[in-house]
Amino acid sequence: MRINRVELVMILKRDDMTQKQLAELSGVSRVTINNVCSGKSCSTEVGQKIAKALGVDVTEIIEDQERRNRE
């Protein structure tokens, strides 16, 4: 799964949250969060943990192509 990094950064800014805070809230390593923010893919489990920590549905933060495939 690939997270839409622009959307992710916007949500982090909106919530005044750092990558470190997201890592702590989601239970995902800072390295993984950094990789996702840099555009690398992640497992579905990691994507779901990130979405849950942000208080959004995972479909709101995945790349457009993946979102269309899920609909």
PDB file of N, CA and C in Angstrom:
ATOM      1  N   MET A   1       0.854  -1.163   0.000  1.00  0.00           N
ATOM      2  CA  MET A   1       0.000   0.000   0.000  1.00  0.00           C
ATOM      3  C   MET A   1       0.901   1.227   0.000  1.00  0.00           C
ATOM      4  N   ARG A   2       0.461   2.227  -0.725  1.00  0.00           N
ATOM      5  CA  ARG A   2       1.222   3.479  -0.761  1.00  0.00           C
ATOM      6  C   ARG A   2       0.330   4.600  -0.215  1.00  0.00           C
ATOM      7  N   ILE A   3       0.854   5.281   0.791  1.00  0.00           N
ATOM      8  CA  ILE A   3       0.138   6.387   1.414  1.00  0.00           C
ATOM      9  C   ILE A   3       0.380   7.652   0.581  1.00  0.00           C
ATOM     10  N   ASN A   4      -0.663   8.445   0.409  1.00  0.00           N
ATOM     11  CA  ASN A   4      -0.535   9.722  -0.275  1.00  0.00           C
ATOM     12  C   ASN A   4       0.220  10.664   0.665  1.00  0.00           C
ATOM     13  N   ARG A   5       1.481  10.907   0.359  1.00  0.00           N
ATOM     14  CA  ARG A   5       2.326  11.660   1.285  1.00  0.00           C
ATOM     15  C   ARG A   5       1.893  13.113   1.412  1.00  0.00           C
ATOM     16  N   VAL A   6       1.324  13.689   0.371  1.00  0.00           N
ATOM     17  CA  VAL A   6       0.831  15.068   0.472  1.00  0.00           C
ATOM     18  C   VAL A   6      -0.326  15.125   1.461  1.00  0.00           C
ATOM     19  N   GLU A   7      -1.241  14.186   1.336  1.00  0.00           N
ATOM     20  CA  GLU A   7      -2.383  14.120   2.250  1.00  0.00           C
ATOM     21  C   GLU A   7      -1.899  13.872   3.682  1.00  0.00           C
ATOM     22  N   LEU A   8      -0.938  12.983   3.834  1.00  0.00           N
ATOM     23  CA  LEU A   8      -0.405  12.667   5.158  1.00  0.00           C
ATOM     24  C   LEU A   8       0.226  13.896   5.798  1.00  0.00           C
ATOM     25  N   VAL A   9       1.036  14.620   5.060  1.00  0.00           N
ATOM     26  CA  VAL A   9       1.680  15.828   5.589  1.00  0.00           C
ATOM     27  C   VAL A   9       0.634  16.884   5.945  1.00  0.00           C
ATOM     28  N   MET A  10      -0.400  17.024   5.113  1.00  0.00           N
ATOM     29  CA  MET A  10      -1.466  17.986   5.407  1.00  0.00           C
ATOM     30  C   MET A  10      -2.180  17.647   6.713  1.00  0.00           C
ATOM     31  N   ILE A  11      -2.449  16.366   6.923  1.00  0.00           N
ATOM     32  CA  ILE A  11      -3.126  15.945   8.156  1.00  0.00           C
ATOM     33  C   ILE A  11      -2.210  16.174   9.356  1.00  0.00           C
ATOM     34  N   LEU A  12      -0.929  15.867   9.205  1.00  0.00           N
ATOM     35  CA  LEU A  12       0.010  16.098  10.298  1.00  0.00           C
ATOM     36  C   LEU A  12       0.054  17.584  10.663  1.00  0.00           C
ATOM     37  N   LYS A  13       0.110  18.437   9.659  1.00  0.00           N
ATOM     38  CA  LYS A  13       0.133  19.887   9.921  1.00  0.00           C
ATOM     39  C   LYS A  13      -1.176  20.342  10.547  1.00  0.00           C
ATOM     40  N   ARG A  14      -2.288  19.844  10.013  1.00  0.00           N
ATOM     41  CA  ARG A  14      -3.605  20.222  10.545  1.00  0.00           C
ATOM     42  C   ARG A  14      -3.712  19.882  12.034  1.00  0.00           C
ATOM     43  N   ASP A  15      -3.189  18.708  12.381  1.00  0.00           N
ATOM     44  CA  ASP A  15      -3.274  18.241  13.763  1.00  0.00           C
ATOM     45  C   ASP A  15      -2.081  18.683  14.605  1.00  0.00           C
ATOM     46  N   ASP A  16      -1.180  19.481  14.009  1.00  0.00           N
ATOM     47  CA  ASP A  16       0.021  19.943  14.694  1.00  0.00           C
ATOM     48  C   ASP A  16       0.775  18.757  15.312  1.00  0.00           C
ATOM     49  N   MET A  17       1.002  17.745  14.480  1.00  0.00           N
ATOM     50  CA  MET A  17       1.618  16.498  14.918  1.00  0.00           C
ATOM     51  C   MET A  17       2.934  16.270  14.172  1.00  0.00           C
ATOM     52  N   THR A  18       3.924  15.813  14.880  1.00  0.00           N
ATOM     53  CA  THR A  18       5.208  15.490  14.265  1.00  0.00           C
ATOM     54  C   THR A  18       5.237  14.022  13.849  1.00  0.00           C
ATOM     55  N   GLN A  19       6.216  13.683  13.037  1.00  0.00           N
ATOM     56  CA  GLN A  19       6.393  12.278  12.660  1.00  0.00           C
ATOM     57  C   GLN A  19       6.674  11.432  13.900  1.00  0.00           C
ATOM     58  N   LYS A  20       7.422  11.975  14.831  1.00  0.00           N
ATOM     59  CA  LYS A  20       7.725  11.255  16.070  1.00  0.00           C
ATOM     60  C   LYS A  20       6.439  10.965  16.845  1.00  0.00           C
ATOM     61  N   GLN A  21       5.573  11.967  16.954  1.00  0.00           N
ATOM     62  CA  GLN A  21       4.308  11.765  17.663  1.00  0.00           C
ATOM     63  C   GLN A  21       3.435  10.734  16.951  1.00  0.00           C
ATOM     64  N   LEU A  22       3.415  10.790  15.625  1.00  0.00           N
ATOM     65  CA  LEU A  22       2.648   9.813  14.857  1.00  0.00           C
ATOM     66  C   LEU A  22       3.187   8.414  15.093  1.00  0.00           C
ATOM     67  N   ALA A  23       4.490   8.288  15.121  1.00  0.00           N
ATOM     68  CA  ALA A  23       5.107   6.984  15.379  1.00  0.00           C
ATOM     69  C   ALA A  23       4.684   6.456  16.749  1.00  0.00           C
ATOM     70  N   GLU A  24       4.722   7.311  17.749  1.00  0.00           N
ATOM     71  CA  GLU A  24       4.343   6.893  19.100  1.00  0.00           C
ATOM     72  C   GLU A  24       2.870   6.505  19.181  1.00  0.00           C
ATOM     73  N   LEU A  25       1.999   7.305  18.569  1.00  0.00           N
ATOM     74  CA  LEU A  25       0.561   7.032  18.608  1.00  0.00           C
ATOM     75  C   LEU A  25       0.175   5.780  17.825  1.00  0.00           C
ATOM     76  N   SER A  26       0.871   5.548  16.733  1.00  0.00           N
ATOM     77  CA  SER A  26       0.501   4.425  15.858  1.00  0.00           C
ATOM     78  C   SER A  26       1.199   3.123  16.230  1.00  0.00           C
ATOM     79  N   GLY A  27       2.285   3.217  16.992  1.00  0.00           N
ATOM     80  CA  GLY A  27       3.045   2.010  17.318  1.00  0.00           C
ATOM     81  C   GLY A  27       3.921   1.556  16.166  1.00  0.00           C
ATOM     82  N   VAL A  28       4.210   2.475  15.255  1.00  0.00           N
ATOM     83  CA  VAL A  28       5.041   2.199  14.088  1.00  0.00           C
ATOM     84  C   VAL A  28       6.357   2.944  14.285  1.00  0.00           C
ATOM     85  N   SER A  29       7.448   2.365  13.855  1.00  0.00           N
ATOM     86  CA  SER A  29       8.743   2.998  14.077  1.00  0.00           C
ATOM     87  C   SER A  29       8.861   4.340  13.354  1.00  0.00           C
ATOM     88  N   ARG A  30       9.710   5.212  13.886  1.00  0.00           N
ATOM     89  CA  ARG A  30       9.947   6.508  13.245  1.00  0.00           C
ATOM     90  C   ARG A  30      10.534   6.324  11.852  1.00  0.00           C
ATOM     91  N   VAL A  31      11.375   5.321  11.701  1.00  0.00           N
ATOM     92  CA  VAL A  31      11.972   5.050  10.387  1.00  0.00           C
ATOM     93  C   VAL A  31      10.881   4.720   9.375  1.00  0.00           C
ATOM     94  N   THR A  32       9.927   3.887   9.770  1.00  0.00           N
ATOM     95  CA  THR A  32       8.834   3.530   8.872  1.00  0.00           C
ATOM     96  C   THR A  32       7.981   4.747   8.542  1.00  0.00           C
ATOM     97  N   ILE A  33       7.673   5.556   9.543  1.00  0.00           N
ATOM     98  CA  ILE A  33       6.895   6.779   9.308  1.00  0.00           C
ATOM     99  C   ILE A  33       7.646   7.680   8.339  1.00  0.00           C
ATOM    100  N   ASN A  34       8.942   7.838   8.544  1.00  0.00           N
ATOM    101  CA  ASN A  34       9.750   8.659   7.650  1.00  0.00           C
ATOM    102  C   ASN A  34       9.723   8.107   6.232  1.00  0.00           C
ATOM    103  N   ASN A  35       9.830   6.787   6.094  1.00  0.00           N
ATOM    104  CA  ASN A  35       9.785   6.156   4.775  1.00  0.00           C
ATOM    105  C   ASN A  35       8.445   6.405   4.086  1.00  0.00           C
ATOM    106  N   VAL A  36       7.363   6.270   4.831  1.00  0.00           N
ATOM    107  CA  VAL A  36       6.025   6.500   4.275  1.00  0.00           C
ATOM    108  C   VAL A  36       5.885   7.960   3.840  1.00  0.00           C
ATOM    109  N   CYS A  37       6.377   8.884   4.671  1.00  0.00           N
ATOM    110  CA  CYS A  37       6.313  10.310   4.331  1.00  0.00           C
ATOM    111  C   CYS A  37       7.186  10.642   3.128  1.00  0.00           C
ATOM    112  N   SER A  38       8.155   9.787   2.852  1.00  0.00           N
ATOM    113  CA  SER A  38       9.039   9.991   1.703  1.00  0.00           C
ATOM    114  C   SER A  38       8.503   9.330   0.437  1.00  0.00           C
ATOM    115  N   GLY A  39       7.350   8.669   0.547  1.00  0.00           N
ATOM    116  CA  GLY A  39       6.721   8.084  -0.632  1.00  0.00           C
ATOM    117  C   GLY A  39       6.919   6.591  -0.796  1.00  0.00           C
ATOM    118  N   LYS A  40       7.554   5.937   0.162  1.00  0.00           N
ATOM    119  CA  LYS A  40       7.734   4.489   0.061  1.00  0.00           C
ATOM    120  C   LYS A  40       6.452   3.778   0.476  1.00  0.00           C
ATOM    121  N   SER A  41       6.284   2.572  -0.010  1.00  0.00           N
ATOM    122  CA  SER A  41       5.075   1.811   0.311  1.00  0.00           C
ATOM    123  C   SER A  41       5.202   1.183   1.693  1.00  0.00           C
ATOM    124  N   CYS A  42       4.071   0.743   2.202  1.00  0.00           N
ATOM    125  CA  CYS A  42       4.042   0.082   3.511  1.00  0.00           C
ATOM    126  C   CYS A  42       3.013  -1.040   3.455  1.00  0.00           C
ATOM    127  N   SER A  43       3.009  -1.853   4.475  1.00  0.00           N
ATOM    128  CA  SER A  43       2.035  -2.940   4.543  1.00  0.00           C
ATOM    129  C   SER A  43       0.650  -2.363   4.846  1.00  0.00           C
ATOM    130  N   THR A  44      -0.360  -3.134   4.569  1.00  0.00           N
ATOM    131  CA  THR A  44      -1.729  -2.732   4.871  1.00  0.00           C
ATOM    132  C   THR A  44      -1.878  -2.501   6.368  1.00  0.00           C
ATOM    133  N   GLU A  45      -1.261  -3.344   7.169  1.00  0.00           N
ATOM    134  CA  GLU A  45      -1.329  -3.214   8.627  1.00  0.00           C
ATOM    135  C   GLU A  45      -0.765  -1.871   9.084  1.00  0.00           C
ATOM    136  N   VAL A  46       0.385  -1.491   8.544  1.00  0.00           N
ATOM    137  CA  VAL A  46       0.996  -0.214   8.907  1.00  0.00           C
ATOM    138  C   VAL A  46       0.103   0.938   8.460  1.00  0.00           C
ATOM    139  N   GLY A  47      -0.432   0.869   7.254  1.00  0.00           N
ATOM    140  CA  GLY A  47      -1.337   1.903   6.766  1.00  0.00           C
ATOM    141  C   GLY A  47      -2.543   2.069   7.673  1.00  0.00           C
ATOM    142  N   GLN A  48      -3.085   0.970   8.136  1.00  0.00           N
ATOM    143  CA  GLN A  48      -4.245   1.017   9.028  1.00  0.00           C
ATOM    144  C   GLN A  48      -3.882   1.608  10.384  1.00  0.00           C
ATOM    145  N   LYS A  49      -2.703   1.281  10.900  1.00  0.00           N
ATOM    146  CA  LYS A  49      -2.254   1.838  12.176  1.00  0.00           C
ATOM    147  C   LYS A  49      -2.066   3.350  12.070  1.00  0.00           C
ATOM    148  N   ILE A  50      -1.486   3.793  10.963  1.00  0.00           N
ATOM    149  CA  ILE A  50      -1.275   5.222  10.746  1.00  0.00           C
ATOM    150  C   ILE A  50      -2.624   5.935  10.660  1.00  0.00           C
ATOM    151  N   ALA A  51      -3.544   5.385   9.882  1.00  0.00           N
ATOM    152  CA  ALA A  51      -4.865   5.990   9.730  1.00  0.00           C
ATOM    153  C   ALA A  51      -5.584   6.078  11.069  1.00  0.00           C
ATOM    154  N   LYS A  52      -5.521   5.015  11.848  1.00  0.00           N
ATOM    155  CA  LYS A  52      -6.177   5.001  13.152  1.00  0.00           C
ATOM    156  C   LYS A  52      -5.592   6.077  14.058  1.00  0.00           C
ATOM    157  N   ALA A  53      -4.269   6.206  14.065  1.00  0.00           N
ATOM    158  CA  ALA A  53      -3.613   7.215  14.898  1.00  0.00           C
ATOM    159  C   ALA A  53      -3.999   8.629  14.471  1.00  0.00           C
ATOM    160  N   LEU A  54      -4.259   8.797  13.190  1.00  0.00           N
ATOM    161  CA  LEU A  54      -4.659  10.110  12.673  1.00  0.00           C
ATOM    162  C   LEU A  54      -6.160  10.364  12.798  1.00  0.00           C
ATOM    163  N   GLY A  55      -6.909   9.322  13.136  1.00  0.00           N
ATOM    164  CA  GLY A  55      -8.358   9.456  13.270  1.00  0.00           C
ATOM    165  C   GLY A  55      -9.081   9.562  11.947  1.00  0.00           C
ATOM    166  N   VAL A  56      -8.509   8.916  10.916  1.00  0.00           N
ATOM    167  CA  VAL A  56      -9.140   8.922   9.596  1.00  0.00           C
ATOM    168  C   VAL A  56      -9.279   7.489   9.098  1.00  0.00           C
ATOM    169  N   ASP A  57     -10.123   7.302   8.099  1.00  0.00           N
ATOM    170  CA  ASP A  57     -10.235   6.001   7.457  1.00  0.00           C
ATOM    171  C   ASP A  57      -9.042   5.824   6.525  1.00  0.00           C
ATOM    172  N   VAL A  58      -8.534   4.626   6.430  1.00  0.00           N
ATOM    173  CA  VAL A  58      -7.358   4.376   5.601  1.00  0.00           C
ATOM    174  C   VAL A  58      -7.587   4.793   4.146  1.00  0.00           C
ATOM    175  N   THR A  59      -8.837   4.736   3.685  1.00  0.00           N
ATOM    176  CA  THR A  59      -9.118   5.132   2.298  1.00  0.00           C
ATOM    177  C   THR A  59      -8.873   6.619   2.058  1.00  0.00           C
ATOM    178  N   GLU A  60      -8.831   7.410   3.135  1.00  0.00           N
ATOM    179  CA  GLU A  60      -8.592   8.845   3.000  1.00  0.00           C
ATOM    180  C   GLU A  60      -7.124   9.174   2.769  1.00  0.00           C
ATOM    181  N   ILE A  61      -6.230   8.249   3.082  1.00  0.00           N
ATOM    182  CA  ILE A  61      -4.806   8.571   2.978  1.00  0.00           C
ATOM    183  C   ILE A  61      -4.039   7.724   1.970  1.00  0.00           C
ATOM    184  N   ILE A  62      -4.700   6.745   1.341  1.00  0.00           N
ATOM    185  CA  ILE A  62      -3.968   5.947   0.357  1.00  0.00           C
ATOM    186  C   ILE A  62      -3.945   6.664  -0.985  1.00  0.00           C
ATOM    187  N   GLU A  63      -2.983   6.294  -1.807  1.00  0.00           N
ATOM    188  CA  GLU A  63      -2.838   6.890  -3.138  1.00  0.00           C
ATOM    189  C   GLU A  63      -4.125   6.711  -3.934  1.00  0.00           C
ATOM    190  N   ASP A  64      -4.395   7.627  -4.845  1.00  0.00           N
ATOM    191  CA  ASP A  64      -5.630   7.626  -5.636  1.00  0.00           C
ATOM    192  C   ASP A  64      -5.882   6.317  -6.362  1.00  0.00           C
ATOM    193  N   GLN A  65      -4.864   5.741  -6.981  1.00  0.00           N
ATOM    194  CA  GLN A  65      -5.038   4.502  -7.735  1.00  0.00           C
ATOM    195  C   GLN A  65      -5.527   3.380  -6.828  1.00  0.00           C
ATOM    196  N   GLU A  66      -4.936   3.264  -5.655  1.00  0.00           N
ATOM    197  CA  GLU A  66      -5.364   2.224  -4.713  1.00  0.00           C
ATOM    198  C   GLU A  66      -6.772   2.494  -4.218  1.00  0.00           C
ATOM    199  N   ARG A  67      -7.091   3.775  -4.019  1.00  0.00           N
ATOM    200  CA  ARG A  67      -8.438   4.148  -3.565  1.00  0.00           C
ATOM    201  C   ARG A  67      -9.465   3.736  -4.606  1.00  0.00           C
ATOM    202  N   ARG A  68      -9.170   3.992  -5.886  1.00  0.00           N
ATOM    203  CA  ARG A  68     -10.110   3.609  -6.961  1.00  0.00           C
ATOM    204  C   ARG A  68     -10.271   2.101  -7.018  1.00  0.00           C
ATOM    205  N   ASN A  69      -9.203   1.351  -6.789  1.00  0.00           N
ATOM    206  CA  ASN A  69      -9.282  -0.107  -6.830  1.00  0.00           C
ATOM    207  C   ASN A  69     -10.128  -0.657  -5.700  1.00  0.00           C
ATOM    208  N   ARG A  70     -10.199   0.031  -4.568  1.00  0.00           N
ATOM    209  CA  ARG A  70     -10.977  -0.428  -3.424  1.00  0.00           C
ATOM    210  C   ARG A  70     -12.458  -0.097  -3.565  1.00  0.00           C
ATOM    211  N   GLU A  71     -12.777   0.891  -4.402  1.00  0.00           N
ATOM    212  CA  GLU A  71     -14.183   1.306  -4.538  1.00  0.00           C
ATOM    213  C   GLU A  71     -14.950   0.434  -5.488  1.00  0.00           C
TER     214      GLU A  71
END
